């Protein structure tokens, strides 16, 4: 093998390893973002209707009647 061919093979190996590291880094960032969004607390749900209206709305078969 000549020195030029060895240098070309080494450059190709470095390029492939660099591309693999870039893909791995992107995947790790995406996973960290998903974990961060999964840990967020859900928003509170506040019901402001009086109980009688709420019960009537839930038990009514046709929601547009009330």
PDB file of N, CA and C in Angstrom:
ATOM      1  N   UNK A   1       0.849  -1.190   0.000  1.00  0.00           N
ATOM      2  CA  UNK A   1       0.000   0.000   0.000  1.00  0.00           C
ATOM      3  C   UNK A   1       0.886   1.242   0.000  1.00  0.00           C
ATOM      4  N   UNK A   2       0.466   2.178  -0.769  1.00  0.00           N
ATOM      5  CA  UNK A   2       1.228   3.420  -0.775  1.00  0.00           C
ATOM      6  C   UNK A   2       0.740   4.319   0.347  1.00  0.00           C
ATOM      7  N   UNK A   3       1.529   5.297   0.628  1.00  0.00           N
ATOM      8  CA  UNK A   3       1.173   6.207   1.720  1.00  0.00           C
ATOM      9  C   UNK A   3      -0.078   7.019   1.369  1.00  0.00           C
ATOM     10  N   UNK A   4      -0.256   7.357   0.103  1.00  0.00           N
ATOM     11  CA  UNK A   4      -1.442   8.113  -0.326  1.00  0.00           C
ATOM     12  C   UNK A   4      -2.719   7.314  -0.135  1.00  0.00           C
ATOM     13  N   UNK A   5      -2.673   6.023  -0.452  1.00  0.00           N
ATOM     14  CA  UNK A   5      -3.849   5.173  -0.283  1.00  0.00           C
ATOM     15  C   UNK A   5      -4.187   5.015   1.196  1.00  0.00           C
ATOM     16  N   UNK A   6      -3.171   4.836   2.016  1.00  0.00           N
ATOM     17  CA  UNK A   6      -3.413   4.743   3.463  1.00  0.00           C
ATOM     18  C   UNK A   6      -4.049   6.024   3.998  1.00  0.00           C
ATOM     19  N   UNK A   7      -3.575   7.152   3.519  1.00  0.00           N
ATOM     20  CA  UNK A   7      -4.128   8.433   3.951  1.00  0.00           C
ATOM     21  C   UNK A   7      -5.587   8.577   3.515  1.00  0.00           C
ATOM     22  N   UNK A   8      -5.901   8.124   2.310  1.00  0.00           N
ATOM     23  CA  UNK A   8      -7.277   8.191   1.817  1.00  0.00           C
ATOM     24  C   UNK A   8      -8.200   7.292   2.636  1.00  0.00           C
ATOM     25  N   UNK A   9      -7.731   6.096   2.960  1.00  0.00           N
ATOM     26  CA  UNK A   9      -8.533   5.173   3.779  1.00  0.00           C
ATOM     27  C   UNK A   9      -8.748   5.754   5.170  1.00  0.00           C
ATOM     28  N   UNK A  10      -7.720   6.359   5.721  1.00  0.00           N
ATOM     29  CA  UNK A  10      -7.838   6.973   7.047  1.00  0.00           C
ATOM     30  C   UNK A  10      -8.824   8.137   7.017  1.00  0.00           C
ATOM     31  N   UNK A  11      -8.778   8.952   5.973  1.00  0.00           N
ATOM     32  CA  UNK A  11      -9.708  10.079   5.851  1.00  0.00           C
ATOM     33  C   UNK A  11     -11.145   9.583   5.728  1.00  0.00           C
ATOM     34  N   UNK A  12     -11.353   8.509   4.968  1.00  0.00           N
ATOM     35  CA  UNK A  12     -12.698   7.946   4.830  1.00  0.00           C
ATOM     36  C   UNK A  12     -13.198   7.404   6.170  1.00  0.00           C
ATOM     37  N   UNK A  13     -12.329   6.752   6.917  1.00  0.00           N
ATOM     38  CA  UNK A  13     -12.726   6.225   8.222  1.00  0.00           C
ATOM     39  C   UNK A  13     -13.090   7.350   9.182  1.00  0.00           C
ATOM     40  N   UNK A  14     -12.322   8.424   9.163  1.00  0.00           N
ATOM     41  CA  UNK A  14     -12.623   9.570  10.028  1.00  0.00           C
ATOM     42  C   UNK A  14     -13.955  10.197   9.631  1.00  0.00           C
ATOM     43  N   UNK A  15     -14.226  10.295   8.330  1.00  0.00           N
ATOM     44  CA  UNK A  15     -15.486  10.877   7.862  1.00  0.00           C
ATOM     45  C   UNK A  15     -16.681  10.020   8.272  1.00  0.00           C
ATOM     46  N   UNK A  16     -16.555   8.713   8.147  1.00  0.00           N
ATOM     47  CA  UNK A  16     -17.653   7.811   8.529  1.00  0.00           C
ATOM     48  C   UNK A  16     -17.902   7.892  10.031  1.00  0.00           C
ATOM     49  N   UNK A  17     -16.841   7.908  10.824  1.00  0.00           N
ATOM     50  CA  UNK A  17     -17.005   8.016  12.275  1.00  0.00           C
ATOM     51  C   UNK A  17     -17.619   9.352  12.667  1.00  0.00           C
ATOM     52  N   UNK A  18     -17.224  10.418  11.997  1.00  0.00           N
ATOM     53  CA  UNK A  18     -17.808  11.732  12.283  1.00  0.00           C
ATOM     54  C   UNK A  18     -19.288  11.768  11.966  1.00  0.00           C
ATOM     55  N   UNK A  19     -19.679  11.175  10.844  1.00  0.00           N
ATOM     56  CA  UNK A  19     -21.098  11.134  10.486  1.00  0.00           C
ATOM     57  C   UNK A  19     -21.887  10.300  11.494  1.00  0.00           C
ATOM     58  N   UNK A  20     -21.319   9.191  11.929  1.00  0.00           N
ATOM     59  CA  UNK A  20     -22.006   8.351  12.915  1.00  0.00           C
ATOM     60  C   UNK A  20     -22.173   9.091  14.238  1.00  0.00           C
ATOM     61  N   UNK A  21     -21.168   9.827  14.646  1.00  0.00           N
ATOM     62  CA  UNK A  21     -21.275  10.601  15.887  1.00  0.00           C
ATOM     63  C   UNK A  21     -22.321  11.704  15.767  1.00  0.00           C
ATOM     64  N   UNK A  22     -22.424  12.325  14.603  1.00  0.00           N
ATOM     65  CA  UNK A  22     -23.433  13.369  14.402  1.00  0.00           C
ATOM     66  C   UNK A  22     -24.840  12.790  14.489  1.00  0.00           C
ATOM     67  N   UNK A  23     -25.055  11.625  13.902  1.00  0.00           N
ATOM     68  CA  UNK A  23     -26.368  10.972  13.965  1.00  0.00           C
ATOM     69  C   UNK A  23     -26.689  10.569  15.398  1.00  0.00           C
ATOM     70  N   UNK A  24     -25.723  10.046  16.103  1.00  0.00           N
ATOM     71  CA  UNK A  24     -25.929   9.655  17.496  1.00  0.00           C
ATOM     72  C   UNK A  24     -26.255  10.864  18.362  1.00  0.00           C
ATOM     73  N   UNK A  25     -25.572  11.964  18.123  1.00  0.00           N
ATOM     74  CA  UNK A  25     -25.828  13.188  18.882  1.00  0.00           C
ATOM     75  C   UNK A  25     -27.250  13.686  18.641  1.00  0.00           C
ATOM     76  N   UNK A  26     -27.704  13.670  17.404  1.00  0.00           N
ATOM     77  CA  UNK A  26     -29.063  14.110  17.085  1.00  0.00           C
ATOM     78  C   UNK A  26     -30.099  13.203  17.747  1.00  0.00           C
ATOM     79  N   UNK A  27     -29.857  11.906  17.753  1.00  0.00           N
ATOM     80  CA  UNK A  27     -30.791  10.970  18.383  1.00  0.00           C
ATOM     81  C   UNK A  27     -30.848  11.188  19.891  1.00  0.00           C
ATOM     82  N   UNK A  28     -29.709  11.456  20.503  1.00  0.00           N
ATOM     83  CA  UNK A  28     -29.692  11.698  21.947  1.00  0.00           C
ATOM     84  C   UNK A  28     -30.422  12.990  22.289  1.00  0.00           C
ATOM     85  N   UNK A  29     -30.266  14.023  21.469  1.00  0.00           N
ATOM     86  CA  UNK A  29     -30.987  15.272  21.712  1.00  0.00           C
ATOM     87  C   UNK A  29     -32.489  15.073  21.598  1.00  0.00           C
ATOM     88  N   UNK A  30     -32.914  14.294  20.608  1.00  0.00           N
ATOM     89  CA  UNK A  30     -34.339  14.037  20.427  1.00  0.00           C
ATOM     90  C   UNK A  30     -34.893  13.250  21.619  1.00  0.00           C
ATOM     91  N   UNK A  31     -34.163  12.270  22.106  1.00  0.00           N
ATOM     92  CA  UNK A  31     -34.604  11.482  23.255  1.00  0.00           C
ATOM     93  C   UNK A  31     -34.685  12.350  24.503  1.00  0.00           C
ATOM     94  N   UNK A  32     -33.712  13.208  24.706  1.00  0.00           N
ATOM     95  CA  UNK A  32     -33.731  14.093  25.874  1.00  0.00           C
ATOM     96  C   UNK A  32     -34.914  15.050  25.807  1.00  0.00           C
ATOM     97  N   UNK A  33     -35.237  15.532  24.618  1.00  0.00           N
ATOM     98  CA  UNK A  33     -36.380  16.437  24.471  1.00  0.00           C
ATOM     99  C   UNK A  33     -37.687  15.705  24.764  1.00  0.00           C
ATOM    100  N   UNK A  34     -37.806  14.463  24.318  1.00  0.00           N
ATOM    101  CA  UNK A  34     -39.009  13.678  24.594  1.00  0.00           C
ATOM    102  C   UNK A  34     -39.149  13.412  26.089  1.00  0.00           C
ATOM    103  N   UNK A  35     -38.062  13.096  26.759  1.00  0.00           N
ATOM    104  CA  UNK A  35     -38.120  12.850  28.199  1.00  0.00           C
ATOM    105  C   UNK A  35     -38.486  14.121  28.953  1.00  0.00           C
ATOM    106  N   UNK A  36     -37.961  15.252  28.526  1.00  0.00           N
ATOM    107  CA  UNK A  36     -38.265  16.523  29.177  1.00  0.00           C
ATOM    108  C   UNK A  36     -39.744  16.876  29.011  1.00  0.00           C
ATOM    109  N   UNK A  37     -40.299  16.629  27.830  1.00  0.00           N
ATOM    110  CA  UNK A  37     -41.713  16.938  27.616  1.00  0.00           C
ATOM    111  C   UNK A  37     -42.613  15.949  28.357  1.00  0.00           C
ATOM    112  N   UNK A  38     -42.149  14.722  28.580  1.00  0.00           N
ATOM    113  CA  UNK A  38     -42.947  13.743  29.313  1.00  0.00           C
ATOM    114  C   UNK A  38     -43.010  14.078  30.800  1.00  0.00           C
ATOM    115  N   UNK A  39     -42.011  14.776  31.309  1.00  0.00           N
ATOM    116  CA  UNK A  39     -41.981  15.106  32.729  1.00  0.00           C
ATOM    117  C   UNK A  39     -42.799  16.346  33.080  1.00  0.00           C
ATOM    118  N   UNK A  40     -43.231  17.087  32.083  1.00  0.00           N
ATOM    119  CA  UNK A  40     -43.999  18.292  32.367  1.00  0.00           C
ATOM    120  C   UNK A  40     -45.351  17.907  32.955  1.00  0.00           C
ATOM    121  N   UNK A  41     -45.788  18.714  33.896  1.00  0.00           N
ATOM    122  CA  UNK A  41     -47.061  18.431  34.547  1.00  0.00           C
ATOM    123  C   UNK A  41     -48.203  18.845  33.629  1.00  0.00           C
ATOM    124  N   UNK A  42     -49.285  18.082  33.622  1.00  0.00           N
ATOM    125  CA  UNK A  42     -50.432  18.474  32.797  1.00  0.00           C
ATOM    126  C   UNK A  42     -51.106  19.719  33.369  1.00  0.00           C
ATOM    127  N   UNK A  43     -51.771  20.460  32.523  1.00  0.00           N
ATOM    128  CA  UNK A  43     -52.464  21.667  32.960  1.00  0.00           C
ATOM    129  C   UNK A  43     -53.652  21.287  33.838  1.00  0.00           C
ATOM    130  N   UNK A  44     -53.960  22.137  34.785  1.00  0.00           N
ATOM    131  CA  UNK A  44     -55.109  21.879  35.648  1.00  0.00           C
ATOM    132  C   UNK A  44     -56.399  22.152  34.892  1.00  0.00           C
ATOM    133  N   UNK A  45     -57.398  21.338  35.161  1.00  0.00           N
ATOM    134  CA  UNK A  45     -58.708  21.522  34.550  1.00  0.00           C
ATOM    135  C   UNK A  45     -59.644  22.043  35.627  1.00  0.00           C
ATOM    136  N   UNK A  46     -60.220  23.201  35.387  1.00  0.00           N
ATOM    137  CA  UNK A  46     -61.108  23.832  36.355  1.00  0.00           C
ATOM    138  C   UNK A  46     -62.516  23.841  35.778  1.00  0.00           C
ATOM    139  N   UNK A  47     -63.460  23.271  36.529  1.00  0.00           N
ATOM    140  CA  UNK A  47     -64.856  23.263  36.105  1.00  0.00           C
ATOM    141  C   UNK A  47     -65.560  24.378  36.846  1.00  0.00           C
ATOM    142  N   UNK A  48     -66.138  25.311  36.087  1.00  0.00           N
ATOM    143  CA  UNK A  48     -66.764  26.469  36.726  1.00  0.00           C
ATOM    144  C   UNK A  48     -68.288  26.440  36.658  1.00  0.00           C
ATOM    145  N   UNK A  49     -68.883  25.375  36.166  1.00  0.00           N
ATOM    146  CA  UNK A  49     -70.343  25.288  36.087  1.00  0.00           C
ATOM    147  C   UNK A  49     -70.902  24.840  37.431  1.00  0.00           C
ATOM    148  N   UNK A  50     -72.100  25.285  37.759  1.00  0.00           N
ATOM    149  CA  UNK A  50     -72.738  24.790  38.986  1.00  0.00           C
ATOM    150  C   UNK A  50     -72.971  23.281  38.880  1.00  0.00           C
ATOM    151  N   UNK A  51     -72.974  22.564  40.004  1.00  0.00           N
ATOM    152  CA  UNK A  51     -73.113  21.107  39.964  1.00  0.00           C
ATOM    153  C   UNK A  51     -74.399  20.638  39.286  1.00  0.00           C
ATOM    154  N   UNK A  52     -75.520  21.338  39.487  1.00  0.00           N
ATOM    155  CA  UNK A  52     -76.775  20.871  38.893  1.00  0.00           C
ATOM    156  C   UNK A  52     -76.713  20.933  37.365  1.00  0.00           C
ATOM    157  N   UNK A  53     -76.150  21.989  36.829  1.00  0.00           N
ATOM    158  CA  UNK A  53     -76.034  22.102  35.374  1.00  0.00           C
ATOM    159  C   UNK A  53     -75.067  21.056  34.836  1.00  0.00           C
ATOM    160  N   UNK A  54     -74.020  20.802  35.569  1.00  0.00           N
ATOM    161  CA  UNK A  54     -73.036  19.816  35.144  1.00  0.00           C
ATOM    162  C   UNK A  54     -73.643  18.417  35.118  1.00  0.00           C
ATOM    163  N   UNK A  55     -74.400  18.051  36.143  1.00  0.00           N
ATOM    164  CA  UNK A  55     -75.034  16.736  36.198  1.00  0.00           C
ATOM    165  C   UNK A  55     -76.084  16.620  35.104  1.00  0.00           C
ATOM    166  N   UNK A  56     -76.859  17.681  34.881  1.00  0.00           N
ATOM    167  CA  UNK A  56     -77.885  17.640  33.842  1.00  0.00           C
ATOM    168  C   UNK A  56     -77.251  17.497  32.461  1.00  0.00           C
ATOM    169  N   UNK A  57     -76.148  18.149  32.247  1.00  0.00           N
ATOM    170  CA  UNK A  57     -75.475  18.055  30.952  1.00  0.00           C
ATOM    171  C   UNK A  57     -74.893  16.663  30.740  1.00  0.00           C
ATOM    172  N   UNK A  58     -74.392  16.045  31.789  1.00  0.00           N
ATOM    173  CA  UNK A  58     -73.800  14.720  31.648  1.00  0.00           C
ATOM    174  C   UNK A  58     -74.849  13.639  31.443  1.00  0.00           C
ATOM    175  N   UNK A  59     -76.030  13.788  32.020  1.00  0.00           N
ATOM    176  CA  UNK A  59     -77.043  12.738  31.930  1.00  0.00           C
ATOM    177  C   UNK A  59     -78.005  12.936  30.766  1.00  0.00           C
ATOM    178  N   UNK A  60     -77.934  14.039  30.076  1.00  0.00           N
ATOM    179  CA  UNK A  60     -78.843  14.315  28.965  1.00  0.00           C
ATOM    180  C   UNK A  60     -78.398  13.534  27.731  1.00  0.00           C
ATOM    181  N   UNK A  61     -79.323  12.817  27.052  1.00  0.00           N
ATOM    182  CA  UNK A  61     -78.933  12.052  25.869  1.00  0.00           C
ATOM    183  C   UNK A  61     -78.590  12.937  24.668  1.00  0.00           C
ATOM    184  N   UNK A  62     -79.228  14.096  24.563  1.00  0.00           N
ATOM    185  CA  UNK A  62     -78.948  15.010  23.451  1.00  0.00           C
ATOM    186  C   UNK A  62     -78.285  16.261  24.012  1.00  0.00           C
ATOM    187  N   UNK A  63     -77.024  16.489  23.747  1.00  0.00           N
ATOM    188  CA  UNK A  63     -76.326  17.616  24.365  1.00  0.00           C
ATOM    189  C   UNK A  63     -76.835  18.983  23.914  1.00  0.00           C
ATOM    190  N   UNK A  64     -77.521  19.085  22.786  1.00  0.00           N
ATOM    191  CA  UNK A  64     -77.988  20.386  22.315  1.00  0.00           C
ATOM    192  C   UNK A  64     -79.366  20.744  22.868  1.00  0.00           C
ATOM    193  N   UNK A  65     -79.987  19.848  23.613  1.00  0.00           N
ATOM    194  CA  UNK A  65     -81.315  20.128  24.164  1.00  0.00           C
ATOM    195  C   UNK A  65     -81.219  21.159  25.274  1.00  0.00           C
ATOM    196  N   UNK A  66     -80.213  21.046  26.121  1.00  0.00           N
ATOM    197  CA  UNK A  66     -80.100  21.961  27.255  1.00  0.00           C
ATOM    198  C   UNK A  66     -79.514  23.277  26.861  1.00  0.00           C
TER     199      UNK A  66
END
